[in-house]
C-alpha atoms as a PDB file:
ATOM      1  CA  MET A   1      70.279  71.639  63.382  1.00  0.00           C
ATOM      2  CA  SER A   2      73.006  70.544  60.925  1.00  0.00           C
ATOM      3  CA  ASP A   3      76.453  70.409  62.085  1.00  0.00           C
ATOM      4  CA  GLU A   4      77.663  73.133  59.808  1.00  0.00           C
ATOM      5  CA  THR A   5      74.633  75.340  61.439  1.00  0.00           C
ATOM      6  CA  ARG A   6      75.623  74.317  64.718  1.00  0.00           C
ATOM      7  CA  ARG A   7      77.028  77.235  67.331  1.00  0.00           C
ATOM      8  CA  SER A   8      80.388  76.125  68.654  1.00  0.00           C
ATOM      9  CA  GLN A   9      80.782  76.015  72.669  1.00  0.00           C
ATOM     10  CA  LYS A  10      82.906  79.168  72.319  1.00  0.00           C
ATOM     11  CA  GLU A  11      80.647  81.065  70.207  1.00  0.00           C
ATOM     12  CA  ALA A  12      77.416  80.035  73.149  1.00  0.00           C
ATOM     13  CA  MET A  13      80.335  81.250  75.531  1.00  0.00           C
ATOM     14  CA  LEU A  14      80.781  84.550  74.484  1.00  0.00           C
ATOM     15  CA  SER A  15      76.997  85.006  73.644  1.00  0.00           C
ATOM     16  CA  GLY A  16      76.365  84.763  77.300  1.00  0.00           C
ATOM     17  CA  GLU A  17      74.446  81.216  76.485  1.00  0.00           C
ATOM     18  CA  LEU A  18      75.180  77.927  78.511  1.00  0.00           C
ATOM     19  CA  TYR A  19      77.859  75.734  77.023  1.00  0.00           C
ATOM     20  CA  ILE A  20      80.262  73.229  77.790  1.00  0.00           C
ATOM     21  CA  ALA A  21      83.774  74.109  79.291  1.00  0.00           C
ATOM     22  CA  ASP A  22      85.417  71.165  78.684  1.00  0.00           C
ATOM     23  CA  ASP A  23      84.833  71.697  74.741  1.00  0.00           C
ATOM     24  CA  PRO A  24      88.320  70.624  73.103  1.00  0.00           C
ATOM     25  CA  GLU A  25      88.534  74.218  71.585  1.00  0.00           C
ATOM     26  CA  LEU A  26      87.494  76.209  75.389  1.00  0.00           C
ATOM     27  CA  ALA A  27      89.570  73.906  77.004  1.00  0.00           C
ATOM     28  CA  ALA A  28      92.776  74.776  74.890  1.00  0.00           C
ATOM     29  CA  GLU A  29      92.207  78.628  75.196  1.00  0.00           C
ATOM     30  CA  ALA A  30      92.353  77.855  79.036  1.00  0.00           C
ATOM     31  CA  ARG A  31      95.694  75.725  79.191  1.00  0.00           C
ATOM     32  CA  HIS A  32      97.175  78.734  77.070  1.00  0.00           C
ATOM     33  CA  ALA A  33      96.003  81.578  79.331  1.00  0.00           C
ATOM     34  CA  ALA A  34      97.527  79.062  82.429  1.00  0.00           C
ATOM     35  CA  VAL A  35     100.972  78.912  80.238  1.00  0.00           C
ATOM     36  CA  LEU A  36     101.035  82.904  80.116  1.00  0.00           C
ATOM     37  CA  SER A  37      99.768  83.438  83.472  1.00  0.00           C
ATOM     38  CA  GLU A  38     102.831  80.898  85.126  1.00  0.00           C
ATOM     39  CA  ARG A  39     104.783  83.318  82.710  1.00  0.00           C
ATOM     40  CA  PHE A  40     103.781  86.473  84.216  1.00  0.00           C
ATOM     41  CA  ASN A  41     103.507  85.253  87.651  1.00  0.00           C
ATOM     42  CA  ALA A  42     107.224  84.185  87.574  1.00  0.00           C
ATOM     43  CA  THR A  43     108.374  87.430  86.261  1.00  0.00           C
ATOM     44  CA  SER A  44     111.173  89.118  88.432  1.00  0.00           C
ATOM     45  CA  ALA A  45     109.879  92.615  89.911  1.00  0.00           C
ATOM     46  CA  ALA A  46     113.035  93.748  88.950  1.00  0.00           C
ATOM     47  CA  ASP A  47     112.585  93.566  85.213  1.00  0.00           C
ATOM     48  CA  PRO A  48     109.072  95.753  84.805  1.00  0.00           C
ATOM     49  CA  GLU A  49     109.416  95.214  80.885  1.00  0.00           C
ATOM     50  CA  ALA A  50     109.138  91.671  81.096  1.00  0.00           C
ATOM     51  CA  ARG A  51     106.336  91.601  83.641  1.00  0.00           C
ATOM     52  CA  ARG A  52     104.494  93.827  81.731  1.00  0.00           C
ATOM     53  CA  ALA A  53     104.877  92.142  77.738  1.00  0.00           C
ATOM     54  CA  ALA A  54     103.503  88.718  79.728  1.00  0.00           C
ATOM     55  CA  LEU A  55     100.598  90.792  81.051  1.00  0.00           C
ATOM     56  CA  ALA A  56      99.924  92.192  77.504  1.00  0.00           C
ATOM     57  CA  GLU A  57     100.123  88.457  76.201  1.00  0.00           C
ATOM     58  CA  LEU A  58      97.558  87.319  78.489  1.00  0.00           C
ATOM     59  CA  LEU A  59      94.904  90.152  78.524  1.00  0.00           C
ATOM     60  CA  GLY A  60      92.892  91.367  75.671  1.00  0.00           C
ATOM     61  CA  GLU A  61      93.823  94.621  76.186  1.00  0.00           C
ATOM     62  CA  LEU A  62      96.670  96.947  78.747  1.00  0.00           C
ATOM     63  CA  GLY A  63      96.588 100.376  79.379  1.00  0.00           C
ATOM     64  CA  GLU A  64      99.381 102.564  80.173  1.00  0.00           C
ATOM     65  CA  ASP A  65     100.885 102.665  83.518  1.00  0.00           C
ATOM     66  CA  VAL A  66      98.902  99.677  84.940  1.00  0.00           C
ATOM     67  CA  GLU A  67     100.577  97.610  87.490  1.00  0.00           C
ATOM     68  CA  VAL A  68      98.873  94.195  88.348  1.00  0.00           C
ATOM     69  CA  ARG A  69     101.025  92.483  91.423  1.00  0.00           C
ATOM     70  CA  PRO A  70     101.346  88.719  91.066  1.00  0.00           C
ATOM     71  CA  PRO A  71      99.844  86.475  91.286  1.00  0.00           C
ATOM     72  CA  LEU A  72      97.226  86.723  89.124  1.00  0.00           C
ATOM     73  CA  ARG A  73      94.252  83.963  87.872  1.00  0.00           C
ATOM     74  CA  VAL A  74      92.671  84.306  85.002  1.00  0.00           C
ATOM     75  CA  ASP A  75      90.204  81.894  82.980  1.00  0.00           C
ATOM     76  CA  TYR A  76      91.075  82.868  79.400  1.00  0.00           C
ATOM     77  CA  GLY A  77      92.885  86.036  79.784  1.00  0.00           C
ATOM     78  CA  TYR A  78      92.183  87.536  76.068  1.00  0.00           C
ATOM     79  CA  GLN A  79      88.176  88.635  78.065  1.00  0.00           C
ATOM     80  CA  THR A  80      89.732  90.993  80.463  1.00  0.00           C
ATOM     81  CA  THR A  81      90.625  94.591  79.556  1.00  0.00           C
ATOM     82  CA  ILE A  82      92.173  96.981  82.108  1.00  0.00           C
ATOM     83  CA  GLY A  83      92.680 100.747  81.333  1.00  0.00           C
ATOM     84  CA  PRO A  84      95.486 103.195  82.230  1.00  0.00           C
ATOM     85  CA  ARG A  85      96.957 103.576  85.325  1.00  0.00           C
ATOM     86  CA  THR A  86      94.702 100.856  87.541  1.00  0.00           C
ATOM     87  CA  PHE A  87      96.385  99.333  90.326  1.00  0.00           C
ATOM     88  CA  ILE A  88      95.772  95.404  90.939  1.00  0.00           C
ATOM     89  CA  ASN A  89      97.377  93.898  94.640  1.00  0.00           C
ATOM     90  CA  PHE A  90      98.590  90.147  94.799  1.00  0.00           C
ATOM     91  CA  GLY A  91      96.137  87.642  94.264  1.00  0.00           C
ATOM     92  CA  ALA A  92      93.350  89.137  91.983  1.00  0.00           C
ATOM     93  CA  VAL A  93      91.333  86.182  90.723  1.00  0.00           C
ATOM     94  CA  LEU A  94      89.725  87.730  87.481  1.00  0.00           C
ATOM     95  CA  LEU A  95      87.425  84.992  86.183  1.00  0.00           C
ATOM     96  CA  ASP A  96      86.441  86.009  82.279  1.00  0.00           C
ATOM     97  CA  VAL A  97      84.351  83.521  80.909  1.00  0.00           C
ATOM     98  CA  ALA A  98      82.577  86.674  80.200  1.00  0.00           C
ATOM     99  CA  ARG A  99      83.814  90.152  79.366  1.00  0.00           C
ATOM    100  CA  ILE A 100      85.546  92.136  82.440  1.00  0.00           C
ATOM    101  CA  THR A 101      86.089  95.315  81.776  1.00  0.00           C
ATOM    102  CA  ILE A 102      88.447  97.502  84.113  1.00  0.00           C
ATOM    103  CA  GLY A 103      88.632 101.288  83.883  1.00  0.00           C
ATOM    104  CA  ALA A 104      90.925 103.554  84.067  1.00  0.00           C
ATOM    105  CA  ASP A 105      92.625 104.858  87.475  1.00  0.00           C
ATOM    106  CA  VAL A 106      91.018 102.135  89.408  1.00  0.00           C
ATOM    107  CA  GLN A 107      92.360 100.366  92.842  1.00  0.00           C
ATOM    108  CA  MET A 108      92.026  96.921  93.716  1.00  0.00           C
ATOM    109  CA  GLY A 109      93.501  95.523  97.462  1.00  0.00           C
ATOM    110  CA  PRO A 110      94.618  91.941  97.973  1.00  0.00           C
ATOM    111  CA  ASN A 111      92.716  88.775  96.757  1.00  0.00           C
ATOM    112  CA  VAL A 112      90.042  90.453  95.125  1.00  0.00           C
ATOM    113  CA  GLN A 113      88.379  88.014  92.859  1.00  0.00           C
ATOM    114  CA  LEU A 114      85.848  89.452  89.913  1.00  0.00           C
ATOM    115  CA  LEU A 115      83.683  86.329  89.186  1.00  0.00           C
ATOM    116  CA  THR A 116      82.121  86.026  85.419  1.00  0.00           C
ATOM    117  CA  PRO A 117      80.978  82.445  85.519  1.00  0.00           C
ATOM    118  CA  THR A 118      77.344  81.187  86.579  1.00  0.00           C
ATOM    119  CA  HIS A 119      76.118  77.598  86.737  1.00  0.00           C
ATOM    120  CA  PRO A 120      72.669  76.636  86.552  1.00  0.00           C
ATOM    121  CA  ILE A 121      70.085  75.978  89.718  1.00  0.00           C
ATOM    122  CA  ASP A 122      68.885  72.662  88.073  1.00  0.00           C
ATOM    123  CA  PRO A 123      70.604  70.107  89.116  1.00  0.00           C
ATOM    124  CA  GLU A 124      70.835  67.953  85.872  1.00  0.00           C
ATOM    125  CA  GLN A 125      72.217  70.846  84.006  1.00  0.00           C
ATOM    126  CA  ARG A 126      74.936  71.124  86.667  1.00  0.00           C
ATOM    127  CA  ARG A 127      75.878  67.303  86.519  1.00  0.00           C
ATOM    128  CA  ALA A 128      75.888  67.376  82.977  1.00  0.00           C
ATOM    129  CA  LYS A 129      78.574  70.279  83.209  1.00  0.00           C
ATOM    130  CA  TRP A 130      76.463  73.173  81.390  1.00  0.00           C
ATOM    131  CA  GLU A 131      77.463  76.642  82.636  1.00  0.00           C
ATOM    132  CA  ALA A 132      77.093  80.407  81.568  1.00  0.00           C
ATOM    133  CA  ALA A 133      78.583  83.686  82.305  1.00  0.00           C
ATOM    134  CA  GLN A 134      78.099  87.131  82.741  1.00  0.00           C
ATOM    135  CA  PRO A 135      79.733  90.439  82.365  1.00  0.00           C
ATOM    136  CA  ILE A 136      81.618  92.157  84.861  1.00  0.00           C
ATOM    137  CA  THR A 137      82.565  96.563  84.712  1.00  0.00           C
ATOM    138  CA  ILE A 138      84.642  98.230  87.246  1.00  0.00           C
ATOM    139  CA  GLY A 139      83.819 101.784  86.597  1.00  0.00           C
ATOM    140  CA  ASP A 140      86.655 104.634  86.733  1.00  0.00           C
ATOM    141  CA  ASN A 141      88.498 105.409  89.655  1.00  0.00           C
ATOM    142  CA  VAL A 142      86.238 102.439  91.553  1.00  0.00           C
ATOM    143  CA  TRP A 143      88.486 101.407  95.256  1.00  0.00           C
ATOM    144  CA  LEU A 144      88.185  97.693  95.847  1.00  0.00           C
ATOM    145  CA  GLY A 145      89.059  96.719  99.171  1.00  0.00           C
ATOM    146  CA  GLY A 146      91.039  93.512 100.176  1.00  0.00           C
ATOM    147  CA  GLY A 147      88.914  90.533  99.959  1.00  0.00           C
ATOM    148  CA  VAL A 148      85.981  91.788  97.699  1.00  0.00           C
ATOM    149  CA  ILE A 149      84.217  89.500  95.356  1.00  0.00           C
ATOM    150  CA  VAL A 150      82.372  90.998  92.272  1.00  0.00           C
ATOM    151  CA  CYS A 151      79.356  88.279  91.496  1.00  0.00           C
ATOM    152  CA  PRO A 152      78.551  87.873  87.713  1.00  0.00           C
ATOM    153  CA  GLY A 153      76.671  90.748  85.741  1.00  0.00           C
ATOM    154  CA  VAL A 154      77.630  93.322  88.115  1.00  0.00           C
ATOM    155  CA  THR A 155      78.661  96.888  86.944  1.00  0.00           C
ATOM    156  CA  ILE A 156      80.172  99.319  89.848  1.00  0.00           C
ATOM    157  CA  GLY A 157      79.809 102.858  88.575  1.00  0.00           C
ATOM    158  CA  GLU A 158      83.000 105.347  89.125  1.00  0.00           C
ATOM    159  CA  ASN A 159      84.380 106.539  91.608  1.00  0.00           C
ATOM    160  CA  THR A 160      82.707 104.117  94.457  1.00  0.00           C
ATOM    161  CA  VAL A 161      83.991 102.209  97.165  1.00  0.00           C
ATOM    162  CA  VAL A 162      83.603  99.255  98.148  1.00  0.00           C
ATOM    163  CA  GLY A 163      84.834  98.202 101.357  1.00  0.00           C
ATOM    164  CA  ALA A 164      87.173  95.382 102.182  1.00  0.00           C
ATOM    165  CA  GLY A 165      85.367  91.858 102.345  1.00  0.00           C
ATOM    166  CA  ALA A 166      82.210  92.669 100.579  1.00  0.00           C
ATOM    167  CA  VAL A 167      80.313  90.572  98.599  1.00  0.00           C
ATOM    168  CA  VAL A 168      78.956  92.502  95.277  1.00  0.00           C
ATOM    169  CA  THR A 169      75.629  90.521  94.361  1.00  0.00           C
ATOM    170  CA  LYS A 170      74.146  93.671  92.225  1.00  0.00           C
ATOM    171  CA  ASP A 171      75.041  96.800  90.866  1.00  0.00           C
ATOM    172  CA  LEU A 172      76.297  99.800  92.582  1.00  0.00           C
ATOM    173  CA  PRO A 173      76.085 103.573  91.408  1.00  0.00           C
ATOM    174  CA  ALA A 174      78.625 105.710  90.362  1.00  0.00           C
ATOM    175  CA  HIS A 175      79.710 108.088  93.386  1.00  0.00           C
ATOM    176  CA  ALA A 176      78.349 105.667  96.684  1.00  0.00           C
ATOM    177  CA  VAL A 177      80.472 103.965  99.286  1.00  0.00           C
ATOM    178  CA  ALA A 178      79.028 100.384  99.669  1.00  0.00           C
ATOM    179  CA  VAL A 179      79.850  97.477 102.467  1.00  0.00           C
ATOM    180  CA  GLY A 180      78.961  94.448 103.830  1.00  0.00           C
ATOM    181  CA  ASN A 181      77.510  90.728 102.207  1.00  0.00           C
ATOM    182  CA  PRO A 182      75.715  91.569 100.437  1.00  0.00           C
ATOM    183  CA  ALA A 183      77.387  94.647  99.986  1.00  0.00           C
ATOM    184  CA  ARG A 184      74.570  97.939 100.700  1.00  0.00           C
ATOM    185  CA  VAL A 185      75.362 101.321  99.444  1.00  0.00           C
ATOM    186  CA  THR A 186      76.105 103.264 102.862  1.00  0.00           C
ATOM    187  CA  ARG A 187      76.181 106.596 101.267  1.00  0.00           C
ATOM    188  CA  LYS A 188      76.840 108.983  98.214  1.00  0.00           C
ATOM    189  CA  ILE A 189      80.445 110.179  98.499  1.00  0.00           C
ATOM    190  CA  GLY A 190      80.436 113.777  98.983  1.00  0.00           C
ATOM    191  CA  GLU A 191      76.965 113.546 101.525  1.00  0.00           C
ATOM    192  CA  ALA A 192      79.035 113.601 104.832  1.00  0.00           C
ATOM    193  CA  ALA A 193      80.928 116.587 103.437  1.00  0.00           C
ATOM    194  CA  ALA A 194      77.582 118.541 102.814  1.00  0.00           C
ATOM    195  CA  GLU A 195      76.618 117.616 106.285  1.00  0.00           C
ATOM    196  CA  ALA A 196      79.273 119.115 107.988  1.00  0.00           C
END
C-alpha cells in the first residue's frame, strides 16, 4: 500500500482499529488535551464562567447546566460529549480514545472511570505498542456511584443505577440496579415497589 493511500494512525484510532498511540499527530493532540485539562483543573470555583469556558474548549460537546468538579482527566477531550444537567464529581477519568457519550441528567460519583482503550492479548502486539478502543455510552438519568469503572464497549441504559465500586464489563439494560465486580443486575427499577 502506498503512503498516499495508507490510513493515518488517527484514522485507525477513530475507526476502532489497532493503532500506535505515540504517533506524532496523536501525541500532539494528547498534549493539547493535557494543557486544556490543566487549565480547567486550575480554574477557581469562584469563577464558574471561566470553568465552563475551559471545559467547553476541552470537550467535544457540553450541554447546558453541566457541572464537572476538578480534577478531570481525559486522553483527547474532543471524543467526549456530556448532555445537559449532568453532574460529574471529583476525580473523573474519561479515557476517550473512542467516543464517550454521557447523556442528560447523569450523576457520577467521585473517582468514576470510563475507559475506552483496549490492548491486545497477544504479547508481541502489546510490546509493539499497538492498542485500540471501543466506545462507551451512558444513557440519560444514569447514576454511577463512587469509584465505578466502566470498561470498553459498554452501554448503560437510561435510568440505571450502578452501585459504588462496581466494575461494568458488559452492557446494562435500562431501568436496572447493578452492583459488584463484575457488575450484575440485581433488580429492575420498580420491582420492589410492585412487590410491596
